[in-house]
Amino acid sequence: ETGLFAHGTARMEQQGLSPKQTPKELFPRAVKRGDLAAVKHYIETRTTENQNPHEERWNDVDSLGQSISVTALILAAREGQLSIVKWLCTEGFSSVKETDEDFGATALLWAAQAGRLEVVQWLLREGGASIQEKNSRSG
C-alpha cells in the first residue's frame, strides 16, 4: 500500500483519519492533499477490479457549502492539484468532458471558479478542454 492508504492506525489517527474508513472514503482526502501515489494506487486497483473510474463519484461540499457529486478529475481540478489532473487525463482515467451531477460543470469550469490558474491553463493548452465550455444545466 502507498500514500494515504498505507498509514498505520496511529498515524491515520494523528492526521484525523479513521482506520475504519474505506479506501473510497479516504480517496477524496488523498486528492485534496495532492497525494499522487495514493490516487494512482486507488485508481489502478479499481481498474484491476473491473471498476470504471469514469463512473465513480464522491460526495463533496462546494464553496457555498452545498453537497455536490464529483469525479476524481473535478475534485483535483477544483483543489488545484495539477499533477493529479495531468495523470488522470494523460493515463486515460478521466475525460475533460466529465461533469458533476449537480451543475453539469466540467473540471475546467470548477478550476476557473476556484481560481486555479495553472490547472485552467493546462486543461486548455494540453488537456483538450475548450474555452467555449458552459455548464450543461445553463442551456
N, C-alpha and C. Protein backbone atom coordinates (compact mmCIF):
# COMPACT_ATOMS: atom_id res chain seq x y z
N GLU A 1 0.84 -1.19 0.00
CA GLU A 1 0.00 0.00 0.00
C GLU A 1 0.89 1.25 0.00
N THR A 2 0.41 2.31 -0.63
CA THR A 2 1.19 3.54 -0.70
C THR A 2 0.36 4.71 -0.22
N GLY A 3 1.05 5.82 0.03
CA GLY A 3 0.39 7.06 0.35
C GLY A 3 -0.57 6.97 1.52
N LEU A 4 -1.66 7.65 1.39
CA LEU A 4 -2.66 7.76 2.44
C LEU A 4 -3.21 6.41 2.86
N PHE A 5 -3.24 5.45 1.96
CA PHE A 5 -3.84 4.16 2.27
C PHE A 5 -2.87 3.24 3.00
N ALA A 6 -1.61 3.61 3.12
CA ALA A 6 -0.61 2.74 3.72
C ALA A 6 -0.34 3.09 5.18
N HIS A 7 -0.88 4.17 5.66
CA HIS A 7 -0.58 4.62 7.01
C HIS A 7 -1.08 3.65 8.05
N GLY A 8 -0.27 3.46 9.08
CA GLY A 8 -0.69 2.64 10.20
C GLY A 8 -1.81 3.33 10.97
N THR A 9 -2.46 2.60 11.84
CA THR A 9 -3.59 3.12 12.60
C THR A 9 -3.22 4.38 13.37
N ALA A 10 -2.10 4.37 14.09
CA ALA A 10 -1.71 5.53 14.89
C ALA A 10 -1.48 6.76 14.02
N ARG A 11 -0.80 6.57 12.91
CA ARG A 11 -0.53 7.71 12.01
C ARG A 11 -1.83 8.25 11.41
N MET A 12 -2.73 7.37 11.05
CA MET A 12 -4.02 7.81 10.49
C MET A 12 -4.77 8.65 11.53
N GLU A 13 -4.78 8.20 12.77
CA GLU A 13 -5.49 8.94 13.81
C GLU A 13 -4.85 10.30 14.05
N GLN A 14 -3.53 10.41 13.97
CA GLN A 14 -2.83 11.69 14.11
C GLN A 14 -3.27 12.66 13.01
N GLN A 15 -3.58 12.15 11.85
CA GLN A 15 -3.97 13.00 10.72
C GLN A 15 -5.48 13.21 10.66
N GLY A 16 -6.19 12.77 11.69
CA GLY A 16 -7.63 12.96 11.72
C GLY A 16 -8.39 11.98 10.85
N LEU A 17 -7.76 10.87 10.51
CA LEU A 17 -8.39 9.85 9.67
C LEU A 17 -8.78 8.67 10.54
N SER A 18 -9.84 8.03 10.20
CA SER A 18 -10.26 6.84 10.92
C SER A 18 -9.74 5.60 10.20
N PRO A 19 -9.10 4.68 10.94
CA PRO A 19 -8.65 3.44 10.30
C PRO A 19 -9.81 2.60 9.80
N LYS A 20 -11.02 2.95 10.20
CA LYS A 20 -12.19 2.21 9.75
C LYS A 20 -12.71 2.72 8.40
N GLN A 21 -12.14 3.83 7.93
CA GLN A 21 -12.58 4.37 6.65
C GLN A 21 -12.08 3.48 5.51
N THR A 22 -12.91 3.32 4.51
CA THR A 22 -12.55 2.52 3.34
C THR A 22 -11.69 3.36 2.40
N PRO A 23 -10.96 2.71 1.50
CA PRO A 23 -10.20 3.48 0.51
C PRO A 23 -11.09 4.47 -0.26
N LYS A 24 -12.33 4.09 -0.56
CA LYS A 24 -13.22 5.02 -1.27
C LYS A 24 -13.49 6.27 -0.44
N GLU A 25 -13.60 6.10 0.88
CA GLU A 25 -13.82 7.25 1.75
C GLU A 25 -12.56 8.09 1.91
N LEU A 26 -11.39 7.47 1.85
CA LEU A 26 -10.12 8.18 2.00
C LEU A 26 -9.68 8.87 0.71
N PHE A 27 -10.15 8.39 -0.42
CA PHE A 27 -9.70 8.90 -1.72
C PHE A 27 -9.82 10.41 -1.87
N PRO A 28 -10.96 11.03 -1.53
CA PRO A 28 -11.04 12.49 -1.69
C PRO A 28 -9.97 13.24 -0.89
N ARG A 29 -9.63 12.74 0.28
CA ARG A 29 -8.57 13.39 1.07
C ARG A 29 -7.22 13.26 0.37
N ALA A 30 -6.97 12.11 -0.24
CA ALA A 30 -5.72 11.92 -0.97
C ALA A 30 -5.64 12.92 -2.12
N VAL A 31 -6.74 13.13 -2.82
CA VAL A 31 -6.77 14.10 -3.91
C VAL A 31 -6.52 15.51 -3.37
N LYS A 32 -7.23 15.89 -2.33
CA LYS A 32 -7.10 17.24 -1.78
C LYS A 32 -5.69 17.52 -1.26
N ARG A 33 -5.03 16.50 -0.74
CA ARG A 33 -3.66 16.66 -0.23
C ARG A 33 -2.62 16.57 -1.34
N GLY A 34 -3.04 16.21 -2.54
CA GLY A 34 -2.10 16.08 -3.64
C GLY A 34 -1.25 14.82 -3.55
N ASP A 35 -1.78 13.78 -2.93
CA ASP A 35 -1.07 12.52 -2.75
C ASP A 35 -1.22 11.66 -4.01
N LEU A 36 -0.39 11.96 -5.00
CA LEU A 36 -0.48 11.29 -6.29
C LEU A 36 -0.27 9.79 -6.18
N ALA A 37 0.63 9.35 -5.32
CA ALA A 37 0.88 7.92 -5.16
C ALA A 37 -0.38 7.20 -4.69
N ALA A 38 -1.09 7.78 -3.73
CA ALA A 38 -2.32 7.16 -3.22
C ALA A 38 -3.41 7.18 -4.28
N VAL A 39 -3.50 8.28 -5.02
CA VAL A 39 -4.50 8.38 -6.10
C VAL A 39 -4.23 7.31 -7.15
N LYS A 40 -2.98 7.18 -7.58
CA LYS A 40 -2.63 6.15 -8.57
C LYS A 40 -2.99 4.76 -8.07
N HIS A 41 -2.62 4.48 -6.83
CA HIS A 41 -2.89 3.16 -6.27
C HIS A 41 -4.39 2.87 -6.27
N TYR A 42 -5.18 3.82 -5.82
CA TYR A 42 -6.63 3.60 -5.74
C TYR A 42 -7.23 3.39 -7.13
N ILE A 43 -6.91 4.27 -8.07
CA ILE A 43 -7.49 4.19 -9.42
C ILE A 43 -7.04 2.89 -10.11
N GLU A 44 -5.77 2.58 -10.02
CA GLU A 44 -5.27 1.37 -10.67
C GLU A 44 -5.87 0.11 -10.04
N THR A 45 -6.08 0.13 -8.72
CA THR A 45 -6.72 -1.00 -8.05
C THR A 45 -8.16 -1.16 -8.52
N ARG A 46 -8.88 -0.05 -8.62
CA ARG A 46 -10.27 -0.09 -9.07
C ARG A 46 -10.35 -0.61 -10.50
N THR A 47 -9.41 -0.21 -11.34
CA THR A 47 -9.38 -0.67 -12.72
C THR A 47 -9.11 -2.17 -12.77
N THR A 48 -8.18 -2.64 -11.94
CA THR A 48 -7.87 -4.07 -11.87
C THR A 48 -9.10 -4.86 -11.41
N GLU A 49 -9.91 -4.25 -10.55
CA GLU A 49 -11.12 -4.91 -10.05
C GLU A 49 -12.30 -4.75 -11.03
N ASN A 50 -12.01 -4.29 -12.25
CA ASN A 50 -13.01 -4.07 -13.30
C ASN A 50 -14.04 -3.01 -12.93
N GLN A 51 -13.63 -2.04 -12.12
CA GLN A 51 -14.48 -0.89 -11.83
C GLN A 51 -14.07 0.22 -12.79
N ASN A 52 -15.01 0.99 -13.27
CA ASN A 52 -14.70 2.06 -14.21
C ASN A 52 -14.52 3.37 -13.45
N PRO A 53 -13.26 3.90 -13.40
CA PRO A 53 -13.03 5.15 -12.68
C PRO A 53 -13.85 6.32 -13.22
N HIS A 54 -14.23 6.28 -14.51
CA HIS A 54 -15.04 7.36 -15.08
C HIS A 54 -16.40 7.46 -14.41
N GLU A 55 -16.91 6.34 -13.94
CA GLU A 55 -18.27 6.32 -13.39
C GLU A 55 -18.30 6.58 -11.89
N GLU A 56 -17.15 6.58 -11.24
CA GLU A 56 -17.12 6.72 -9.79
C GLU A 56 -17.30 8.19 -9.39
N ARG A 57 -18.10 8.40 -8.37
CA ARG A 57 -18.40 9.75 -7.88
C ARG A 57 -18.18 9.80 -6.37
N TRP A 58 -17.84 10.99 -5.90
CA TRP A 58 -17.67 11.22 -4.48
C TRP A 58 -18.52 12.42 -4.09
N ASN A 59 -19.11 12.35 -2.91
CA ASN A 59 -19.85 13.49 -2.39
C ASN A 59 -18.86 14.43 -1.74
N ASP A 60 -18.98 15.70 -2.06
CA ASP A 60 -18.11 16.72 -1.50
C ASP A 60 -18.95 17.96 -1.26
N VAL A 61 -18.33 19.01 -0.77
CA VAL A 61 -19.04 20.26 -0.50
C VAL A 61 -18.40 21.36 -1.32
N ASP A 62 -19.21 22.16 -2.00
CA ASP A 62 -18.66 23.26 -2.80
C ASP A 62 -18.39 24.47 -1.91
N SER A 63 -17.92 25.57 -2.52
CA SER A 63 -17.55 26.76 -1.76
C SER A 63 -18.73 27.40 -1.04
N LEU A 64 -19.95 27.09 -1.44
CA LEU A 64 -21.14 27.64 -0.78
C LEU A 64 -21.71 26.68 0.25
N GLY A 65 -21.01 25.56 0.47
CA GLY A 65 -21.47 24.59 1.46
C GLY A 65 -22.52 23.63 0.94
N GLN A 66 -22.74 23.62 -0.37
CA GLN A 66 -23.72 22.72 -0.96
C GLN A 66 -23.07 21.38 -1.26
N SER A 67 -23.79 20.30 -1.00
CA SER A 67 -23.29 18.97 -1.31
C SER A 67 -23.32 18.77 -2.82
N ILE A 68 -22.21 18.26 -3.37
CA ILE A 68 -22.11 18.00 -4.80
C ILE A 68 -21.53 16.62 -5.03
N SER A 69 -21.82 16.04 -6.17
CA SER A 69 -21.30 14.73 -6.55
C SER A 69 -20.31 14.94 -7.69
N VAL A 70 -19.02 14.64 -7.43
CA VAL A 70 -17.96 14.96 -8.37
C VAL A 70 -17.12 13.74 -8.75
N THR A 71 -16.43 13.87 -9.88
CA THR A 71 -15.47 12.85 -10.30
C THR A 71 -14.10 13.20 -9.71
N ALA A 72 -13.17 12.27 -9.82
CA ALA A 72 -11.80 12.50 -9.33
C ALA A 72 -11.18 13.70 -10.03
N LEU A 73 -11.39 13.82 -11.34
CA LEU A 73 -10.81 14.93 -12.10
C LEU A 73 -11.36 16.27 -11.62
N ILE A 74 -12.65 16.35 -11.42
CA ILE A 74 -13.24 17.60 -10.96
C ILE A 74 -12.71 17.98 -9.58
N LEU A 75 -12.63 17.01 -8.71
CA LEU A 75 -12.13 17.27 -7.36
C LEU A 75 -10.68 17.76 -7.42
N ALA A 76 -9.84 17.10 -8.20
CA ALA A 76 -8.44 17.50 -8.33
C ALA A 76 -8.31 18.89 -8.95
N ALA A 77 -9.10 19.18 -9.97
CA ALA A 77 -9.05 20.48 -10.63
C ALA A 77 -9.48 21.59 -9.68
N ARG A 78 -10.55 21.35 -8.96
CA ARG A 78 -11.06 22.36 -8.01
C ARG A 78 -10.07 22.62 -6.88
N GLU A 79 -9.34 21.58 -6.49
CA GLU A 79 -8.37 21.72 -5.40
C GLU A 79 -7.01 22.21 -5.89
N GLY A 80 -6.85 22.37 -7.22
CA GLY A 80 -5.60 22.86 -7.77
C GLY A 80 -4.47 21.84 -7.79
N GLN A 81 -4.82 20.58 -7.81
CA GLN A 81 -3.83 19.51 -7.79
C GLN A 81 -3.44 19.13 -9.23
N LEU A 82 -2.59 19.96 -9.82
CA LEU A 82 -2.24 19.82 -11.23
C LEU A 82 -1.61 18.47 -11.55
N SER A 83 -0.74 17.95 -10.70
CA SER A 83 -0.11 16.67 -11.02
C SER A 83 -1.15 15.55 -11.11
N ILE A 84 -2.17 15.61 -10.28
CA ILE A 84 -3.23 14.60 -10.32
C ILE A 84 -4.10 14.80 -11.56
N VAL A 85 -4.42 16.05 -11.88
CA VAL A 85 -5.20 16.35 -13.09
C VAL A 85 -4.47 15.81 -14.32
N LYS A 86 -3.18 16.10 -14.42
CA LYS A 86 -2.39 15.64 -15.57
C LYS A 86 -2.40 14.11 -15.65
N TRP A 87 -2.16 13.45 -14.53
CA TRP A 87 -2.09 11.99 -14.53
C TRP A 87 -3.42 11.38 -14.93
N LEU A 88 -4.51 11.85 -14.34
CA LEU A 88 -5.83 11.30 -14.67
C LEU A 88 -6.14 11.44 -16.16
N CYS A 89 -5.80 12.60 -16.72
CA CYS A 89 -6.10 12.84 -18.15
C CYS A 89 -5.15 12.10 -19.08
N THR A 90 -3.86 12.15 -18.80
CA THR A 90 -2.90 11.54 -19.73
C THR A 90 -2.92 10.02 -19.68
N GLU A 91 -3.32 9.45 -18.56
CA GLU A 91 -3.39 8.00 -18.45
C GLU A 91 -4.75 7.44 -18.88
N GLY A 92 -5.67 8.33 -19.25
CA GLY A 92 -6.96 7.89 -19.75
C GLY A 92 -7.98 7.51 -18.68
N PHE A 93 -7.73 7.88 -17.43
CA PHE A 93 -8.66 7.55 -16.36
C PHE A 93 -9.78 8.58 -16.22
N SER A 94 -9.63 9.71 -16.86
CA SER A 94 -10.64 10.77 -16.79
C SER A 94 -10.72 11.46 -18.14
N SER A 95 -11.84 12.13 -18.34
CA SER A 95 -12.05 12.91 -19.55
C SER A 95 -12.41 14.34 -19.17
N VAL A 96 -11.88 15.30 -19.91
CA VAL A 96 -12.19 16.70 -19.62
C VAL A 96 -13.67 17.01 -19.87
N LYS A 97 -14.37 16.10 -20.50
CA LYS A 97 -15.80 16.30 -20.76
C LYS A 97 -16.69 15.83 -19.60
N GLU A 98 -16.10 15.17 -18.59
CA GLU A 98 -16.87 14.73 -17.42
C GLU A 98 -17.48 15.95 -16.73
N THR A 99 -18.69 15.77 -16.23
CA THR A 99 -19.34 16.85 -15.49
C THR A 99 -19.80 16.35 -14.12
N ASP A 100 -19.98 17.30 -13.22
CA ASP A 100 -20.55 16.92 -11.93
C ASP A 100 -22.04 16.66 -12.16
N GLU A 101 -22.66 15.95 -11.24
CA GLU A 101 -24.07 15.58 -11.42
C GLU A 101 -25.04 16.68 -11.03
N ASP A 102 -24.56 17.69 -10.33
CA ASP A 102 -25.46 18.71 -9.79
C ASP A 102 -25.59 19.94 -10.68
N PHE A 103 -24.47 20.42 -11.23
CA PHE A 103 -24.49 21.64 -12.03
C PHE A 103 -24.15 21.41 -13.49
N GLY A 104 -23.62 20.23 -13.80
CA GLY A 104 -23.22 19.95 -15.16
C GLY A 104 -21.95 20.68 -15.56
N ALA A 105 -21.11 21.00 -14.58
CA ALA A 105 -19.87 21.75 -14.84
C ALA A 105 -18.70 20.79 -14.99
N THR A 106 -17.79 21.13 -15.89
CA THR A 106 -16.59 20.33 -16.14
C THR A 106 -15.48 20.72 -15.17
N ALA A 107 -14.38 19.98 -15.23
CA ALA A 107 -13.20 20.28 -14.42
C ALA A 107 -12.69 21.69 -14.73
N LEU A 108 -12.71 22.08 -16.01
CA LEU A 108 -12.26 23.42 -16.39
C LEU A 108 -13.08 24.48 -15.68
N LEU A 109 -14.38 24.33 -15.67
CA LEU A 109 -15.23 25.33 -15.03
C LEU A 109 -15.03 25.37 -13.52
N TRP A 110 -14.87 24.20 -12.90
CA TRP A 110 -14.62 24.17 -11.46
C TRP A 110 -13.27 24.80 -11.13
N ALA A 111 -12.24 24.50 -11.92
CA ALA A 111 -10.91 25.07 -11.68
C ALA A 111 -10.95 26.59 -11.84
N ALA A 112 -11.64 27.07 -12.86
CA ALA A 112 -11.74 28.51 -13.08
C ALA A 112 -12.48 29.19 -11.93
N GLN A 113 -13.57 28.58 -11.50
CA GLN A 113 -14.36 29.15 -10.40
C GLN A 113 -13.55 29.20 -9.11
N ALA A 114 -12.65 28.23 -8.92
CA ALA A 114 -11.82 28.18 -7.71
C ALA A 114 -10.53 28.99 -7.84
N GLY A 115 -10.31 29.60 -9.03
CA GLY A 115 -9.12 30.41 -9.23
C GLY A 115 -7.84 29.61 -9.39
N ARG A 116 -7.95 28.41 -9.93
CA ARG A 116 -6.79 27.52 -10.11
C ARG A 116 -6.19 27.72 -11.50
N LEU A 117 -5.47 28.83 -11.67
CA LEU A 117 -4.97 29.25 -12.97
C LEU A 117 -4.10 28.20 -13.65
N GLU A 118 -3.17 27.58 -12.92
CA GLU A 118 -2.30 26.57 -13.55
C GLU A 118 -3.11 25.41 -14.11
N VAL A 119 -4.13 24.98 -13.38
CA VAL A 119 -4.97 23.87 -13.84
C VAL A 119 -5.76 24.31 -15.06
N VAL A 120 -6.34 25.50 -15.02
CA VAL A 120 -7.10 26.02 -16.16
C VAL A 120 -6.21 26.07 -17.39
N GLN A 121 -5.01 26.62 -17.25
CA GLN A 121 -4.10 26.74 -18.39
C GLN A 121 -3.74 25.36 -18.96
N TRP A 122 -3.44 24.40 -18.09
CA TRP A 122 -3.08 23.08 -18.58
C TRP A 122 -4.26 22.41 -19.28
N LEU A 123 -5.44 22.50 -18.69
CA LEU A 123 -6.62 21.88 -19.32
C LEU A 123 -6.87 22.46 -20.71
N LEU A 124 -6.67 23.76 -20.86
CA LEU A 124 -6.90 24.40 -22.16
C LEU A 124 -5.77 24.11 -23.16
N ARG A 125 -4.53 24.16 -22.70
CA ARG A 125 -3.38 24.01 -23.61
C ARG A 125 -3.08 22.56 -23.96
N GLU A 126 -3.20 21.67 -22.97
CA GLU A 126 -2.77 20.29 -23.19
C GLU A 126 -3.83 19.24 -22.90
N GLY A 127 -4.83 19.58 -22.12
CA GLY A 127 -5.80 18.60 -21.67
C GLY A 127 -6.99 18.40 -22.60
N GLY A 128 -7.14 19.26 -23.60
CA GLY A 128 -8.22 19.10 -24.55
C GLY A 128 -9.51 19.80 -24.19
N ALA A 129 -9.50 20.64 -23.16
CA ALA A 129 -10.70 21.40 -22.80
C ALA A 129 -10.88 22.56 -23.76
N SER A 130 -12.08 23.09 -23.82
CA SER A 130 -12.40 24.19 -24.73
C SER A 130 -12.78 25.44 -23.94
N ILE A 131 -12.29 26.57 -24.41
CA ILE A 131 -12.63 27.86 -23.79
C ILE A 131 -14.12 28.16 -23.95
N GLN A 132 -14.79 27.46 -24.85
CA GLN A 132 -16.22 27.67 -25.11
C GLN A 132 -17.13 26.90 -24.15
N GLU A 133 -16.55 26.15 -23.20
CA GLU A 133 -17.36 25.32 -22.32
C GLU A 133 -18.35 26.12 -21.48
N LYS A 134 -19.52 25.55 -21.31
CA LYS A 134 -20.56 26.07 -20.41
C LYS A 134 -21.05 24.90 -19.59
N ASN A 135 -21.62 25.20 -18.43
CA ASN A 135 -22.18 24.05 -17.70
C ASN A 135 -23.41 23.59 -18.45
N SER A 136 -23.66 22.30 -18.40
CA SER A 136 -24.74 21.71 -19.20
C SER A 136 -26.13 22.00 -18.66
N ARG A 137 -26.22 22.61 -17.50
CA ARG A 137 -27.51 22.92 -16.90
C ARG A 137 -27.98 24.34 -17.22
N SER A 138 -27.08 25.17 -17.78
CA SER A 138 -27.44 26.57 -18.01
C SER A 138 -28.05 26.83 -19.37
N GLY A 139 -27.93 25.84 -20.26
CA GLY A 139 -28.55 25.94 -21.56
C GLY A 139 -27.83 26.67 -22.56
